[in-house]
Amino acid sequence: MSLILKDEKPVREPHPAGVHDAVCYCIADIGTHHEQTPWGAKDTRQVVVAWELPKLRIEIEKDGKKLDLPRAYSQTYTLNFGSLAKIRQHLELWRGTEFTKEELQGFDIKAVLGACCQLQLVHKTSETTGKKSARIATIIPWEAGRKKIKAENEHQWFSLDEGNDIPANIPKWIREKIENSQEWVAMGQAAGMNNADEPTKEVDEVPWPDEEEVDNMPF
């Protein structure tokens, strides 16, 4: 009997459809990328937002130990705050209210780190690949008075505007996106021209909010 080797990645089932408790534990600026869209090619600045879904568990092995961890769900957004931008629509659903004119002049997305919500996921099948995946149908605000959940993973935060020191806990696939961005490539070219490394800034640790200091608005 023959033994055939194939270069195949393991198939992971999509997140179950339905409403899931979630807490945001990762926000990463992955920079500007050139992409083809149905409306033509364009350069877009993007950000990854990731949530833990604590009631959905996954078992992994690390350093010889089996770990029981929450599954994570991530969404890549265009960093745009226009009225049709998906990130604005999702944040307003999450807040349960629209942004004011003053907030639209500049909202610090870092405020979302550690905020709770519920994600309603639905299954969609790709017309090109036939692959089924889970997509966000809506984001439901965290119920007022309900005890907030805390992420089991460390908070992960990165902004290219704060320097080029990518935290060690940023997942590999996000790191690769950052390093392929136009900003990162430009920084590398500038460093080569100057023949010197520029000092990097440390990313501030984001503390958990105290229950007493958090009102019904998540951010």
C-alpha atoms as a PDB file:
ATOM      1  CA  MET A   1       0.000   0.000   0.000  1.00  0.00           C
ATOM      2  CA  SER A   2       1.395   3.402  -0.966  1.00  0.00           C
ATOM      3  CA  LEU A   3       1.781   6.288   1.467  1.00  0.00           C
ATOM      4  CA  ILE A   4       1.083   9.612  -0.243  1.00  0.00           C
ATOM      5  CA  LEU A   5       2.433  12.846   1.198  1.00  0.00           C
ATOM      6  CA  LYS A   6       0.487  16.021   0.522  1.00  0.00           C
ATOM      7  CA  ASP A   7       1.106  19.654   1.407  1.00  0.00           C
ATOM      8  CA  GLU A   8      -2.193  20.231   3.158  1.00  0.00           C
ATOM      9  CA  LYS A   9      -3.148  22.422   6.062  1.00  0.00           C
ATOM     10  CA  PRO A  10      -5.415  20.961   8.747  1.00  0.00           C
ATOM     11  CA  VAL A  11      -9.053  21.951   8.271  1.00  0.00           C
ATOM     12  CA  ARG A  12     -10.442  23.920  11.208  1.00  0.00           C
ATOM     13  CA  GLU A  13     -14.170  24.117  11.626  1.00  0.00           C
ATOM     14  CA  PRO A  14     -15.543  27.666  11.552  1.00  0.00           C
ATOM     15  CA  HIS A  15     -16.789  29.198  14.763  1.00  0.00           C
ATOM     16  CA  PRO A  16     -20.331  28.023  15.513  1.00  0.00           C
ATOM     17  CA  ALA A  17     -23.073  30.304  14.259  1.00  0.00           C
ATOM     18  CA  GLY A  18     -24.977  32.104  16.992  1.00  0.00           C
ATOM     19  CA  VAL A  19     -24.496  34.736  19.683  1.00  0.00           C
ATOM     20  CA  HIS A  20     -21.241  34.530  21.677  1.00  0.00           C
ATOM     21  CA  ASP A  21     -19.906  36.460  24.667  1.00  0.00           C
ATOM     22  CA  ALA A  22     -16.689  38.208  23.619  1.00  0.00           C
ATOM     23  CA  VAL A  23     -13.956  40.464  24.979  1.00  0.00           C
ATOM     24  CA  CYS A  24     -11.524  42.437  22.820  1.00  0.00           C
ATOM     25  CA  TYR A  25      -7.937  41.484  23.615  1.00  0.00           C
ATOM     26  CA  CYS A  26      -6.005  42.506  20.497  1.00  0.00           C
ATOM     27  CA  ILE A  27      -5.841  45.611  18.311  1.00  0.00           C
ATOM     28  CA  ALA A  28      -3.029  45.754  15.761  1.00  0.00           C
ATOM     29  CA  ASP A  29      -2.326  48.366  13.121  1.00  0.00           C
ATOM     30  CA  ILE A  30      -1.076  46.327  10.138  1.00  0.00           C
ATOM     31  CA  GLY A  31      -0.326  49.343   7.960  1.00  0.00           C
ATOM     32  CA  THR A  32      -1.118  50.113   4.318  1.00  0.00           C
ATOM     33  CA  HIS A  33      -1.516  47.347   1.739  1.00  0.00           C
ATOM     34  CA  HIS A  34      -2.158  47.412  -2.008  1.00  0.00           C
ATOM     35  CA  GLU A  35      -5.226  45.308  -2.792  1.00  0.00           C
ATOM     36  CA  GLN A  36      -7.514  44.421  -5.642  1.00  0.00           C
ATOM     37  CA  THR A  37     -11.187  45.151  -4.960  1.00  0.00           C
ATOM     38  CA  PRO A  38     -14.331  44.820  -7.111  1.00  0.00           C
ATOM     39  CA  TRP A  39     -13.926  48.575  -7.728  1.00  0.00           C
ATOM     40  CA  GLY A  40     -10.258  48.398  -8.727  1.00  0.00           C
ATOM     41  CA  ALA A  41      -6.856  48.412  -7.026  1.00  0.00           C
ATOM     42  CA  LYS A  42      -6.221  50.726  -4.108  1.00  0.00           C
ATOM     43  CA  ASP A  43      -4.002  51.288  -1.076  1.00  0.00           C
ATOM     44  CA  THR A  44      -5.760  50.915   2.281  1.00  0.00           C
ATOM     45  CA  ARG A  45      -4.570  51.347   5.877  1.00  0.00           C
ATOM     46  CA  GLN A  46      -5.850  48.403   7.907  1.00  0.00           C
ATOM     47  CA  VAL A  47      -6.298  47.331  11.512  1.00  0.00           C
ATOM     48  CA  VAL A  48      -6.972  43.903  13.028  1.00  0.00           C
ATOM     49  CA  VAL A  49      -9.391  43.635  15.962  1.00  0.00           C
ATOM     50  CA  ALA A  50      -9.564  40.291  17.788  1.00  0.00           C
ATOM     51  CA  TRP A  51     -11.887  38.981  20.464  1.00  0.00           C
ATOM     52  CA  GLU A  52     -11.758  36.037  22.831  1.00  0.00           C
ATOM     53  CA  LEU A  53     -14.902  33.885  22.931  1.00  0.00           C
ATOM     54  CA  PRO A  54     -14.527  32.357  26.413  1.00  0.00           C
ATOM     55  CA  LYS A  55     -17.333  29.804  26.102  1.00  0.00           C
ATOM     56  CA  LEU A  56     -15.758  28.313  22.965  1.00  0.00           C
ATOM     57  CA  ARG A  57     -12.661  26.364  23.960  1.00  0.00           C
ATOM     58  CA  ILE A  58      -9.717  24.942  22.065  1.00  0.00           C
ATOM     59  CA  GLU A  59      -7.019  22.594  23.355  1.00  0.00           C
ATOM     60  CA  ILE A  60      -3.442  23.174  22.201  1.00  0.00           C
ATOM     61  CA  GLU A  61      -0.076  21.756  23.206  1.00  0.00           C
ATOM     62  CA  LYS A  62       2.725  24.147  24.109  1.00  0.00           C
ATOM     63  CA  ASP A  63       6.094  23.304  25.677  1.00  0.00           C
ATOM     64  CA  GLY A  64       4.890  19.765  26.331  1.00  0.00           C
ATOM     65  CA  LYS A  65       1.765  20.935  28.167  1.00  0.00           C
ATOM     66  CA  LYS A  66      -1.844  20.797  27.073  1.00  0.00           C
ATOM     67  CA  LEU A  67      -3.588  24.133  27.407  1.00  0.00           C
ATOM     68  CA  ASP A  68      -7.315  24.823  27.389  1.00  0.00           C
ATOM     69  CA  LEU A  69      -7.800  28.265  25.830  1.00  0.00           C
ATOM     70  CA  PRO A  70     -10.673  30.355  24.487  1.00  0.00           C
ATOM     71  CA  ARG A  71     -11.085  30.472  20.729  1.00  0.00           C
ATOM     72  CA  ALA A  72     -10.359  33.831  19.146  1.00  0.00           C
ATOM     73  CA  TYR A  73     -12.192  35.626  16.365  1.00  0.00           C
ATOM     74  CA  SER A  74     -10.562  38.419  14.374  1.00  0.00           C
ATOM     75  CA  GLN A  75     -11.759  40.977  11.847  1.00  0.00           C
ATOM     76  CA  THR A  76      -9.597  43.100   9.550  1.00  0.00           C
ATOM     77  CA  TYR A  77     -10.976  46.584   8.967  1.00  0.00           C
ATOM     78  CA  THR A  78     -10.041  49.478   6.708  1.00  0.00           C
ATOM     79  CA  LEU A  79      -8.919  52.316   8.968  1.00  0.00           C
ATOM     80  CA  ASN A  80     -11.567  54.751   7.787  1.00  0.00           C
ATOM     81  CA  PHE A  81     -14.239  56.528   9.825  1.00  0.00           C
ATOM     82  CA  GLY A  82     -16.623  57.445   7.015  1.00  0.00           C
ATOM     83  CA  SER A  83     -20.354  56.808   7.389  1.00  0.00           C
ATOM     84  CA  LEU A  84     -20.155  53.639   5.251  1.00  0.00           C
ATOM     85  CA  ALA A  85     -17.006  52.255   6.871  1.00  0.00           C
ATOM     86  CA  LYS A  86     -17.573  48.835   8.433  1.00  0.00           C
ATOM     87  CA  ILE A  87     -15.421  49.633  11.457  1.00  0.00           C
ATOM     88  CA  ARG A  88     -17.587  52.663  12.269  1.00  0.00           C
ATOM     89  CA  GLN A  89     -20.778  50.644  11.796  1.00  0.00           C
ATOM     90  CA  HIS A  90     -19.505  47.870  14.082  1.00  0.00           C
ATOM     91  CA  LEU A  91     -18.283  50.272  16.760  1.00  0.00           C
ATOM     92  CA  GLU A  92     -21.621  52.077  16.819  1.00  0.00           C
ATOM     93  CA  LEU A  93     -23.466  48.762  17.147  1.00  0.00           C
ATOM     94  CA  TRP A  94     -21.068  47.840  19.957  1.00  0.00           C
ATOM     95  CA  ARG A  95     -21.649  51.145  21.753  1.00  0.00           C
ATOM     96  CA  GLY A  96     -25.376  51.118  21.107  1.00  0.00           C
ATOM     97  CA  THR A  97     -25.226  54.722  19.914  1.00  0.00           C
ATOM     98  CA  GLU A  98     -23.799  56.829  17.094  1.00  0.00           C
ATOM     99  CA  PHE A  99     -20.582  58.784  17.444  1.00  0.00           C
ATOM    100  CA  THR A 100     -20.962  62.509  18.041  1.00  0.00           C
ATOM    101  CA  LYS A 101     -19.511  65.053  15.609  1.00  0.00           C
ATOM    102  CA  GLU A 102     -16.756  65.743  18.139  1.00  0.00           C
ATOM    103  CA  GLU A 103     -15.862  62.049  18.435  1.00  0.00           C
ATOM    104  CA  LEU A 104     -15.750  61.704  14.659  1.00  0.00           C
ATOM    105  CA  GLN A 105     -12.919  64.257  14.591  1.00  0.00           C
ATOM    106  CA  GLY A 106     -10.676  61.649  16.182  1.00  0.00           C
ATOM    107  CA  PHE A 107     -11.578  58.453  18.066  1.00  0.00           C
ATOM    108  CA  ASP A 108      -8.753  56.513  19.760  1.00  0.00           C
ATOM    109  CA  ILE A 109      -9.502  52.875  18.954  1.00  0.00           C
ATOM    110  CA  LYS A 110      -7.263  51.781  21.827  1.00  0.00           C
ATOM    111  CA  ALA A 111     -10.254  52.531  24.069  1.00  0.00           C
ATOM    112  CA  VAL A 112     -11.882  49.340  22.735  1.00  0.00           C
ATOM    113  CA  LEU A 113      -9.168  47.085  24.191  1.00  0.00           C
ATOM    114  CA  GLY A 114     -10.678  45.070  27.044  1.00  0.00           C
ATOM    115  CA  ALA A 115     -14.282  46.017  26.188  1.00  0.00           C
ATOM    116  CA  CYS A 116     -16.964  43.308  26.232  1.00  0.00           C
ATOM    117  CA  CYS A 117     -19.759  42.634  23.758  1.00  0.00           C
ATOM    118  CA  GLN A 118     -21.640  39.810  22.118  1.00  0.00           C
ATOM    119  CA  LEU A 119     -20.814  38.761  18.572  1.00  0.00           C
ATOM    120  CA  GLN A 120     -23.532  37.263  16.423  1.00  0.00           C
ATOM    121  CA  LEU A 121     -21.801  35.043  13.877  1.00  0.00           C
ATOM    122  CA  VAL A 122     -23.331  33.578  10.726  1.00  0.00           C
ATOM    123  CA  HIS A 123     -21.888  31.071   8.295  1.00  0.00           C
ATOM    124  CA  LYS A 124     -21.075  32.198   4.765  1.00  0.00           C
ATOM    125  CA  THR A 125     -19.842  30.010   1.887  1.00  0.00           C
ATOM    126  CA  SER A 126     -17.303  31.462  -0.548  1.00  0.00           C
ATOM    127  CA  GLU A 127     -18.523  31.413  -4.161  1.00  0.00           C
ATOM    128  CA  THR A 128     -14.945  30.933  -5.402  1.00  0.00           C
ATOM    129  CA  THR A 129     -13.502  28.369  -2.969  1.00  0.00           C
ATOM    130  CA  GLY A 130     -16.616  26.797  -1.510  1.00  0.00           C
ATOM    131  CA  LYS A 131     -15.097  27.225   1.945  1.00  0.00           C
ATOM    132  CA  LYS A 132     -17.453  27.975   4.821  1.00  0.00           C
ATOM    133  CA  SER A 133     -16.455  30.643   7.328  1.00  0.00           C
ATOM    134  CA  ALA A 134     -18.010  32.567  10.197  1.00  0.00           C
ATOM    135  CA  ARG A 135     -18.772  36.261   9.668  1.00  0.00           C
ATOM    136  CA  ILE A 136     -20.032  38.963  12.004  1.00  0.00           C
ATOM    137  CA  ALA A 137     -23.737  39.588  11.438  1.00  0.00           C
ATOM    138  CA  THR A 138     -23.999  42.140  14.222  1.00  0.00           C
ATOM    139  CA  ILE A 139     -22.386  43.243  17.476  1.00  0.00           C
ATOM    140  CA  ILE A 140     -24.588  43.439  20.552  1.00  0.00           C
ATOM    141  CA  PRO A 141     -23.709  45.830  23.398  1.00  0.00           C
ATOM    142  CA  TRP A 142     -22.831  44.248  26.744  1.00  0.00           C
ATOM    143  CA  GLU A 143     -25.872  44.236  28.994  1.00  0.00           C
ATOM    144  CA  ALA A 144     -25.813  47.033  31.589  1.00  0.00           C
ATOM    145  CA  GLY A 145     -25.103  45.693  35.055  1.00  0.00           C
ATOM    146  CA  ARG A 146     -23.865  42.326  33.805  1.00  0.00           C
ATOM    147  CA  LYS A 147     -20.456  41.332  35.159  1.00  0.00           C
ATOM    148  CA  LYS A 148     -17.760  41.993  32.601  1.00  0.00           C
ATOM    149  CA  ILE A 149     -15.402  39.265  31.455  1.00  0.00           C
ATOM    150  CA  LYS A 150     -11.628  39.585  31.320  1.00  0.00           C
ATOM    151  CA  ALA A 151      -9.404  38.205  28.600  1.00  0.00           C
ATOM    152  CA  GLU A 152      -7.334  35.152  29.450  1.00  0.00           C
ATOM    153  CA  ASN A 153      -4.613  36.233  27.018  1.00  0.00           C
ATOM    154  CA  GLU A 154      -2.421  39.289  27.507  1.00  0.00           C
ATOM    155  CA  HIS A 155      -3.702  42.443  25.856  1.00  0.00           C
ATOM    156  CA  GLN A 156      -2.034  42.872  22.476  1.00  0.00           C
ATOM    157  CA  TRP A 157      -1.646  46.384  21.084  1.00  0.00           C
ATOM    158  CA  PHE A 158       0.444  47.755  18.224  1.00  0.00           C
ATOM    159  CA  SER A 159       0.408  51.032  16.297  1.00  0.00           C
ATOM    160  CA  LEU A 160       2.866  51.967  13.572  1.00  0.00           C
ATOM    161  CA  ASP A 161       2.426  55.582  14.674  1.00  0.00           C
ATOM    162  CA  GLU A 162       4.038  54.693  18.017  1.00  0.00           C
ATOM    163  CA  GLY A 163       7.207  53.130  16.587  1.00  0.00           C
ATOM    164  CA  ASN A 164       8.446  49.896  15.074  1.00  0.00           C
ATOM    165  CA  ASP A 165       8.775  47.668  18.122  1.00  0.00           C
ATOM    166  CA  ILE A 166       6.297  44.835  17.493  1.00  0.00           C
ATOM    167  CA  PRO A 167       5.356  43.185  20.822  1.00  0.00           C
ATOM    168  CA  ALA A 168       6.513  39.596  21.206  1.00  0.00           C
ATOM    169  CA  ASN A 169       2.979  38.372  21.938  1.00  0.00           C
ATOM    170  CA  ILE A 170       1.571  39.546  18.586  1.00  0.00           C
ATOM    171  CA  PRO A 171       0.594  36.445  16.537  1.00  0.00           C
ATOM    172  CA  LYS A 172       2.909  35.456  13.682  1.00  0.00           C
ATOM    173  CA  TRP A 173       0.331  36.066  10.939  1.00  0.00           C
ATOM    174  CA  ILE A 174      -0.277  39.616  12.177  1.00  0.00           C
ATOM    175  CA  ARG A 175       3.474  40.262  12.454  1.00  0.00           C
ATOM    176  CA  GLU A 176       3.902  39.175   8.832  1.00  0.00           C
ATOM    177  CA  LYS A 177       1.124  41.556   7.743  1.00  0.00           C
ATOM    178  CA  ILE A 178       2.846  44.440   9.568  1.00  0.00           C
ATOM    179  CA  GLU A 179       6.235  43.619   8.062  1.00  0.00           C
ATOM    180  CA  ASN A 180       4.724  43.559   4.555  1.00  0.00           C
ATOM    181  CA  SER A 181       3.064  46.961   4.967  1.00  0.00           C
ATOM    182  CA  GLN A 182       4.199  50.000   3.018  1.00  0.00           C
ATOM    183  CA  GLU A 183       5.056  51.822   6.258  1.00  0.00           C
ATOM    184  CA  TRP A 184       7.275  49.013   7.563  1.00  0.00           C
ATOM    185  CA  VAL A 185       9.108  48.660   4.241  1.00  0.00           C
ATOM    186  CA  ALA A 186       9.653  52.432   4.143  1.00  0.00           C
ATOM    187  CA  MET A 187      11.027  52.420   7.700  1.00  0.00           C
ATOM    188  CA  GLY A 188      13.466  49.668   6.747  1.00  0.00           C
ATOM    189  CA  GLN A 189      14.633  51.605   3.706  1.00  0.00           C
ATOM    190  CA  ALA A 190      15.072  54.761   5.771  1.00  0.00           C
ATOM    191  CA  ALA A 191      17.069  52.873   8.387  1.00  0.00           C
ATOM    192  CA  GLY A 192      19.313  51.489   5.656  1.00  0.00           C
ATOM    193  CA  MET A 193      19.917  54.951   4.194  1.00  0.00           C
ATOM    194  CA  ASN A 194      20.746  56.377   7.608  1.00  0.00           C
ATOM    195  CA  ASN A 195      22.797  53.303   8.507  1.00  0.00           C
ATOM    196  CA  ALA A 196      21.434  53.564  12.036  1.00  0.00           C
ATOM    197  CA  ASP A 197      18.524  52.178  13.982  1.00  0.00           C
ATOM    198  CA  GLU A 198      16.085  54.709  15.316  1.00  0.00           C
ATOM    199  CA  PRO A 199      15.076  54.357  18.963  1.00  0.00           C
ATOM    200  CA  THR A 200      11.773  52.603  19.489  1.00  0.00           C
ATOM    201  CA  LYS A 201       9.085  53.394  21.989  1.00  0.00           C
ATOM    202  CA  GLU A 202       7.795  50.884  24.475  1.00  0.00           C
ATOM    203  CA  VAL A 203       4.109  50.082  24.137  1.00  0.00           C
ATOM    204  CA  ASP A 204       2.277  51.114  27.273  1.00  0.00           C
ATOM    205  CA  GLU A 205       0.598  48.299  29.140  1.00  0.00           C
ATOM    206  CA  VAL A 206      -3.166  48.760  29.138  1.00  0.00           C
ATOM    207  CA  PRO A 207      -4.611  48.176  32.627  1.00  0.00           C
ATOM    208  CA  TRP A 208      -7.891  46.407  33.207  1.00  0.00           C
ATOM    209  CA  PRO A 209     -10.655  48.958  33.903  1.00  0.00           C
ATOM    210  CA  ASP A 210     -12.078  49.001  37.407  1.00  0.00           C
ATOM    211  CA  GLU A 211     -15.769  48.128  37.541  1.00  0.00           C
ATOM    212  CA  GLU A 212     -16.549  51.297  39.468  1.00  0.00           C
ATOM    213  CA  GLU A 213     -14.978  53.485  36.798  1.00  0.00           C
ATOM    214  CA  VAL A 214     -16.832  51.961  33.838  1.00  0.00           C
ATOM    215  CA  ASP A 215     -20.288  53.244  32.936  1.00  0.00           C
ATOM    216  CA  ASN A 216     -22.788  51.545  30.633  1.00  0.00           C
ATOM    217  CA  MET A 217     -20.973  52.839  27.533  1.00  0.00           C
ATOM    218  CA  PRO A 218     -18.136  50.356  26.735  1.00  0.00           C
ATOM    219  CA  PHE A 219     -15.915  53.035  25.123  1.00  0.00           C
END
